[in-house]
Structure formats: C-alpha cells, structure tokens
Amino acid sequence: MILPIGRRGRSVLSWDHGRAADMARWGLAARYCDPAKAERAVVRAGEVSARVYRSWEDFGAGYAIGRCLHFDEEEFGPWYTEVLDIHKTLTTDPESPWLTVPWQ
C-alpha cells in the first residue's frame, strides 16, 4: 500500500509535474528547445512540487495515484502494482535519492 490506512494524499499534481519534466527532456532530445530552456522547465516543475508536497514520499504517492488514474481506467491493476514496487524501493533502499537527497 502506498499510503498507510487512514492517511490521505495531498493531491495528484505530482503526476503532472513529473510529466512536465518528461516533456522538457523529450523536447530537448527532439531539439525543440535548448538545454537551458529544458532545465528551467524541470526546475520550475520541482519548485511547484516543493510548494505542494512535504516530502519525496508525499510526492511519490501523488505521482503513483495520478499515474494510475491516467492509465488504468480506475481499475488499479498492473499499473498500481508496478508503481507500488517502485515506490517501495524508493522509500526503503538506503541508496535511493529519496533518502539521500533532501526534499527542499
């Protein structure tokens, strides 16, 4: 389970913020923008996320739920189990950036 029983997520905006960072990366790869513009877009997505979420774990929970809502037609099957495994790794692996890089 991504969130403990009784705990509610703040929002699913982190899915949108993550997609914005992906779009910047893809735009750079396709030469639609230069590295500086792509970096500004990624930094902006991070700044907005930092205002909405309190931690990497909160961000990840919103991202996971947003991803499921986007792709899984509200059935929460394989999309959920896949993202749950990733979330568990990111919140428990001592080498995870979620545990080694400060949220803010």
N, C-alpha and C. Protein backbone atom coordinates (compact mmCIF):
# COMPACT_ATOMS: atom_id res chain seq x y z
N MET A 1 0.85 -1.16 0.00
CA MET A 1 0.00 0.00 0.00
C MET A 1 0.90 1.24 0.00
N ILE A 2 0.58 2.19 -0.83
CA ILE A 2 1.41 3.39 -0.93
C ILE A 2 1.22 4.30 0.28
N LEU A 3 -0.01 4.50 0.67
CA LEU A 3 -0.30 5.33 1.85
C LEU A 3 -0.81 4.43 2.98
N PRO A 4 -0.39 4.69 4.20
CA PRO A 4 -0.92 3.91 5.32
C PRO A 4 -2.43 4.10 5.44
N ILE A 5 -3.09 3.10 5.99
CA ILE A 5 -4.54 3.18 6.18
C ILE A 5 -4.87 4.42 6.99
N GLY A 6 -5.86 5.16 6.54
CA GLY A 6 -6.30 6.37 7.22
C GLY A 6 -5.59 7.64 6.78
N ARG A 7 -4.54 7.51 6.01
CA ARG A 7 -3.80 8.69 5.54
C ARG A 7 -4.24 9.03 4.12
N ARG A 8 -4.46 10.30 3.89
CA ARG A 8 -4.90 10.76 2.57
C ARG A 8 -3.75 11.47 1.87
N GLY A 9 -3.74 11.34 0.55
CA GLY A 9 -2.75 12.05 -0.24
C GLY A 9 -3.11 13.52 -0.36
N ARG A 10 -2.10 14.35 -0.58
CA ARG A 10 -2.32 15.79 -0.70
C ARG A 10 -2.98 16.13 -2.02
N SER A 11 -2.50 15.53 -3.11
CA SER A 11 -3.06 15.75 -4.45
C SER A 11 -2.37 14.80 -5.41
N VAL A 12 -2.80 14.81 -6.65
CA VAL A 12 -2.14 14.02 -7.69
C VAL A 12 -1.40 14.93 -8.67
N LEU A 13 -1.16 16.15 -8.27
CA LEU A 13 -0.45 17.10 -9.14
C LEU A 13 0.97 16.65 -9.46
N SER A 14 1.57 15.83 -8.62
CA SER A 14 2.94 15.41 -8.90
C SER A 14 3.01 14.60 -10.19
N TRP A 15 1.92 13.95 -10.57
CA TRP A 15 1.90 13.28 -11.88
C TRP A 15 2.10 14.32 -12.98
N ASP A 16 1.39 15.42 -12.89
CA ASP A 16 1.54 16.49 -13.89
C ASP A 16 2.93 17.10 -13.85
N HIS A 17 3.47 17.29 -12.66
CA HIS A 17 4.81 17.87 -12.53
C HIS A 17 5.86 16.93 -13.12
N GLY A 18 5.71 15.65 -12.87
CA GLY A 18 6.62 14.67 -13.45
C GLY A 18 6.51 14.63 -14.97
N ARG A 19 5.31 14.72 -15.47
CA ARG A 19 5.11 14.74 -16.93
C ARG A 19 5.71 16.01 -17.53
N ALA A 20 5.60 17.11 -16.83
CA ALA A 20 6.20 18.36 -17.33
C ALA A 20 7.71 18.20 -17.46
N ALA A 21 8.33 17.58 -16.48
CA ALA A 21 9.78 17.33 -16.55
C ALA A 21 10.10 16.39 -17.71
N ASP A 22 9.28 15.37 -17.90
CA ASP A 22 9.48 14.46 -19.04
C ASP A 22 9.36 15.20 -20.36
N MET A 23 8.35 16.05 -20.47
CA MET A 23 8.16 16.80 -21.72
C MET A 23 9.36 17.69 -22.02
N ALA A 24 9.93 18.28 -21.00
CA ALA A 24 11.13 19.11 -21.20
C ALA A 24 12.29 18.25 -21.71
N ARG A 25 12.45 17.10 -21.12
CA ARG A 25 13.52 16.19 -21.53
C ARG A 25 13.30 15.71 -22.96
N TRP A 26 12.07 15.35 -23.29
CA TRP A 26 11.77 14.89 -24.65
C TRP A 26 11.91 16.02 -25.66
N GLY A 27 11.48 17.22 -25.26
CA GLY A 27 11.64 18.37 -26.14
C GLY A 27 13.10 18.66 -26.44
N LEU A 28 13.94 18.52 -25.44
CA LEU A 28 15.37 18.70 -25.63
C LEU A 28 15.92 17.63 -26.57
N ALA A 29 15.53 16.39 -26.34
CA ALA A 29 16.01 15.29 -27.19
C ALA A 29 15.58 15.46 -28.64
N ALA A 30 14.40 16.05 -28.85
CA ALA A 30 13.89 16.27 -30.20
C ALA A 30 14.35 17.61 -30.79
N ARG A 31 15.16 18.34 -30.01
CA ARG A 31 15.70 19.64 -30.41
C ARG A 31 14.62 20.71 -30.60
N TYR A 32 13.56 20.61 -29.79
CA TYR A 32 12.55 21.66 -29.77
C TYR A 32 12.95 22.80 -28.85
N CYS A 33 13.94 22.56 -28.00
CA CYS A 33 14.42 23.60 -27.09
C CYS A 33 15.89 23.36 -26.81
N ASP A 34 16.51 24.36 -26.22
CA ASP A 34 17.93 24.21 -25.88
C ASP A 34 18.04 23.72 -24.43
N PRO A 35 19.23 23.28 -24.01
CA PRO A 35 19.39 22.75 -22.65
C PRO A 35 18.97 23.72 -21.55
N ALA A 36 19.23 25.00 -21.73
CA ALA A 36 18.88 25.98 -20.69
C ALA A 36 17.36 26.05 -20.51
N LYS A 37 16.62 26.04 -21.60
CA LYS A 37 15.16 26.11 -21.51
C LYS A 37 14.59 24.83 -20.89
N ALA A 38 15.14 23.69 -21.27
CA ALA A 38 14.69 22.43 -20.68
C ALA A 38 14.97 22.41 -19.18
N GLU A 39 16.14 22.89 -18.80
CA GLU A 39 16.49 22.93 -17.38
C GLU A 39 15.54 23.84 -16.61
N ARG A 40 15.21 24.99 -17.17
CA ARG A 40 14.27 25.90 -16.50
C ARG A 40 12.92 25.22 -16.28
N ALA A 41 12.46 24.47 -17.28
CA ALA A 41 11.18 23.78 -17.15
C ALA A 41 11.23 22.73 -16.05
N VAL A 42 12.32 21.98 -15.98
CA VAL A 42 12.45 20.95 -14.95
C VAL A 42 12.54 21.58 -13.56
N VAL A 43 13.33 22.64 -13.44
CA VAL A 43 13.46 23.33 -12.16
C VAL A 43 12.11 23.91 -11.73
N ARG A 44 11.38 24.47 -12.66
CA ARG A 44 10.05 25.03 -12.35
C ARG A 44 9.11 23.94 -11.83
N ALA A 45 9.11 22.80 -12.49
CA ALA A 45 8.26 21.69 -12.03
C ALA A 45 8.65 21.29 -10.60
N GLY A 46 9.94 21.27 -10.32
CA GLY A 46 10.40 20.95 -8.97
C GLY A 46 9.98 21.99 -7.95
N GLU A 47 10.06 23.25 -8.32
CA GLU A 47 9.66 24.33 -7.40
C GLU A 47 8.18 24.24 -7.06
N VAL A 48 7.36 23.99 -8.06
CA VAL A 48 5.92 23.87 -7.83
C VAL A 48 5.64 22.66 -6.94
N SER A 49 6.31 21.56 -7.21
CA SER A 49 6.13 20.35 -6.38
C SER A 49 6.52 20.61 -4.93
N ALA A 50 7.60 21.35 -4.73
CA ALA A 50 8.07 21.63 -3.37
C ALA A 50 7.06 22.45 -2.58
N ARG A 51 6.24 23.23 -3.27
CA ARG A 51 5.21 24.02 -2.58
C ARG A 51 3.99 23.17 -2.24
N VAL A 52 3.74 22.13 -3.00
CA VAL A 52 2.55 21.30 -2.81
C VAL A 52 2.80 20.15 -1.83
N TYR A 53 3.98 19.56 -1.90
CA TYR A 53 4.28 18.34 -1.14
C TYR A 53 5.27 18.60 -0.02
N ARG A 54 5.22 17.76 1.01
CA ARG A 54 6.09 17.91 2.18
C ARG A 54 7.34 17.04 2.12
N SER A 55 7.32 16.02 1.25
CA SER A 55 8.43 15.07 1.22
C SER A 55 8.44 14.32 -0.11
N TRP A 56 9.53 13.59 -0.34
CA TRP A 56 9.59 12.72 -1.52
C TRP A 56 8.48 11.68 -1.44
N GLU A 57 8.22 11.16 -0.25
CA GLU A 57 7.19 10.14 -0.10
C GLU A 57 5.81 10.69 -0.48
N ASP A 58 5.49 11.91 -0.03
CA ASP A 58 4.22 12.53 -0.41
C ASP A 58 4.15 12.75 -1.92
N PHE A 59 5.25 13.26 -2.49
CA PHE A 59 5.31 13.47 -3.93
C PHE A 59 5.09 12.14 -4.67
N GLY A 60 5.77 11.10 -4.22
CA GLY A 60 5.66 9.80 -4.87
C GLY A 60 4.27 9.21 -4.78
N ALA A 61 3.62 9.38 -3.65
CA ALA A 61 2.26 8.87 -3.50
C ALA A 61 1.32 9.57 -4.48
N GLY A 62 1.42 10.89 -4.58
CA GLY A 62 0.59 11.62 -5.53
C GLY A 62 0.88 11.22 -6.96
N TYR A 63 2.16 11.04 -7.26
CA TYR A 63 2.56 10.64 -8.61
C TYR A 63 1.99 9.26 -8.95
N ALA A 64 2.13 8.33 -8.03
CA ALA A 64 1.65 6.97 -8.26
C ALA A 64 0.15 6.93 -8.48
N ILE A 65 -0.58 7.63 -7.65
CA ILE A 65 -2.03 7.63 -7.79
C ILE A 65 -2.44 8.36 -9.07
N GLY A 66 -1.78 9.47 -9.37
CA GLY A 66 -2.06 10.18 -10.62
C GLY A 66 -1.78 9.32 -11.84
N ARG A 67 -0.69 8.57 -11.79
CA ARG A 67 -0.34 7.68 -12.90
C ARG A 67 -1.42 6.61 -13.10
N CYS A 68 -1.88 6.04 -12.00
CA CYS A 68 -2.94 5.03 -12.10
C CYS A 68 -4.22 5.63 -12.67
N LEU A 69 -4.59 6.80 -12.21
CA LEU A 69 -5.80 7.44 -12.73
C LEU A 69 -5.66 7.75 -14.22
N HIS A 70 -4.47 8.11 -14.64
CA HIS A 70 -4.24 8.45 -16.05
C HIS A 70 -4.31 7.22 -16.95
N PHE A 71 -3.70 6.12 -16.53
CA PHE A 71 -3.55 4.97 -17.41
C PHE A 71 -4.48 3.80 -17.13
N ASP A 72 -4.92 3.63 -15.93
CA ASP A 72 -5.52 2.37 -15.53
C ASP A 72 -7.04 2.34 -15.58
N GLU A 73 -7.66 3.35 -16.12
CA GLU A 73 -9.13 3.41 -16.22
C GLU A 73 -9.80 3.04 -14.90
N GLU A 74 -9.20 3.52 -13.82
CA GLU A 74 -9.71 3.37 -12.46
C GLU A 74 -9.84 1.93 -11.98
N GLU A 75 -9.13 1.00 -12.61
CA GLU A 75 -9.15 -0.39 -12.16
C GLU A 75 -8.00 -0.70 -11.22
N PHE A 76 -6.92 0.08 -11.26
CA PHE A 76 -5.77 -0.08 -10.38
C PHE A 76 -5.21 -1.50 -10.38
N GLY A 77 -5.02 -2.03 -11.53
CA GLY A 77 -4.44 -3.37 -11.68
C GLY A 77 -2.93 -3.31 -11.78
N PRO A 78 -2.38 -3.76 -12.92
CA PRO A 78 -0.92 -3.83 -13.06
C PRO A 78 -0.23 -2.47 -12.95
N TRP A 79 -0.88 -1.40 -13.35
CA TRP A 79 -0.24 -0.08 -13.21
C TRP A 79 0.03 0.22 -11.75
N TYR A 80 -0.90 -0.16 -10.89
CA TYR A 80 -0.72 0.10 -9.46
C TYR A 80 0.38 -0.78 -8.87
N THR A 81 0.35 -2.07 -9.17
CA THR A 81 1.35 -2.95 -8.58
C THR A 81 2.76 -2.59 -9.04
N GLU A 82 2.89 -2.19 -10.30
CA GLU A 82 4.21 -1.78 -10.80
C GLU A 82 4.72 -0.55 -10.06
N VAL A 83 3.86 0.46 -9.95
CA VAL A 83 4.29 1.70 -9.30
C VAL A 83 4.46 1.48 -7.79
N LEU A 84 3.72 0.57 -7.21
CA LEU A 84 3.88 0.26 -5.79
C LEU A 84 5.27 -0.32 -5.53
N ASP A 85 5.72 -1.21 -6.39
CA ASP A 85 7.07 -1.78 -6.23
C ASP A 85 8.13 -0.69 -6.33
N ILE A 86 7.99 0.21 -7.28
CA ILE A 86 8.94 1.31 -7.44
C ILE A 86 8.93 2.20 -6.20
N HIS A 87 7.72 2.54 -5.73
CA HIS A 87 7.57 3.40 -4.56
C HIS A 87 8.22 2.76 -3.33
N LYS A 88 8.02 1.46 -3.15
CA LYS A 88 8.63 0.76 -2.01
C LYS A 88 10.15 0.84 -2.08
N THR A 89 10.70 0.63 -3.27
CA THR A 89 12.16 0.71 -3.42
C THR A 89 12.66 2.10 -3.09
N LEU A 90 12.00 3.11 -3.63
CA LEU A 90 12.45 4.49 -3.42
C LEU A 90 12.34 4.93 -1.96
N THR A 91 11.42 4.33 -1.22
CA THR A 91 11.26 4.73 0.18
C THR A 91 12.04 3.86 1.16
N THR A 92 12.65 2.77 0.67
CA THR A 92 13.36 1.88 1.60
C THR A 92 14.82 1.62 1.25
N ASP A 93 15.21 1.75 0.01
CA ASP A 93 16.60 1.47 -0.39
C ASP A 93 17.51 2.57 0.15
N PRO A 94 18.52 2.23 0.95
CA PRO A 94 19.40 3.25 1.53
C PRO A 94 20.10 4.12 0.48
N GLU A 95 20.24 3.63 -0.75
CA GLU A 95 20.89 4.39 -1.82
C GLU A 95 19.89 5.23 -2.63
N SER A 96 18.62 5.14 -2.30
CA SER A 96 17.59 5.87 -3.04
C SER A 96 17.79 7.37 -2.93
N PRO A 97 17.60 8.10 -4.03
CA PRO A 97 17.69 9.57 -3.93
C PRO A 97 16.63 10.14 -2.98
N TRP A 98 15.53 9.43 -2.80
CA TRP A 98 14.52 9.90 -1.87
C TRP A 98 15.03 9.89 -0.44
N LEU A 99 16.02 9.07 -0.17
CA LEU A 99 16.59 9.00 1.18
C LEU A 99 17.93 9.72 1.28
N THR A 100 18.53 10.05 0.15
CA THR A 100 19.85 10.69 0.18
C THR A 100 19.84 12.14 -0.28
N VAL A 101 18.79 12.57 -0.98
CA VAL A 101 18.69 13.95 -1.46
C VAL A 101 17.58 14.64 -0.67
N PRO A 102 17.88 15.72 0.03
CA PRO A 102 16.84 16.41 0.80
C PRO A 102 15.69 16.88 -0.10
N TRP A 103 14.48 16.84 0.45
CA TRP A 103 13.32 17.27 -0.33
C TRP A 103 13.44 18.75 -0.70
N GLN A 104 13.81 19.57 0.26
CA GLN A 104 13.91 21.01 -0.05
C GLN A 104 15.26 21.54 0.34
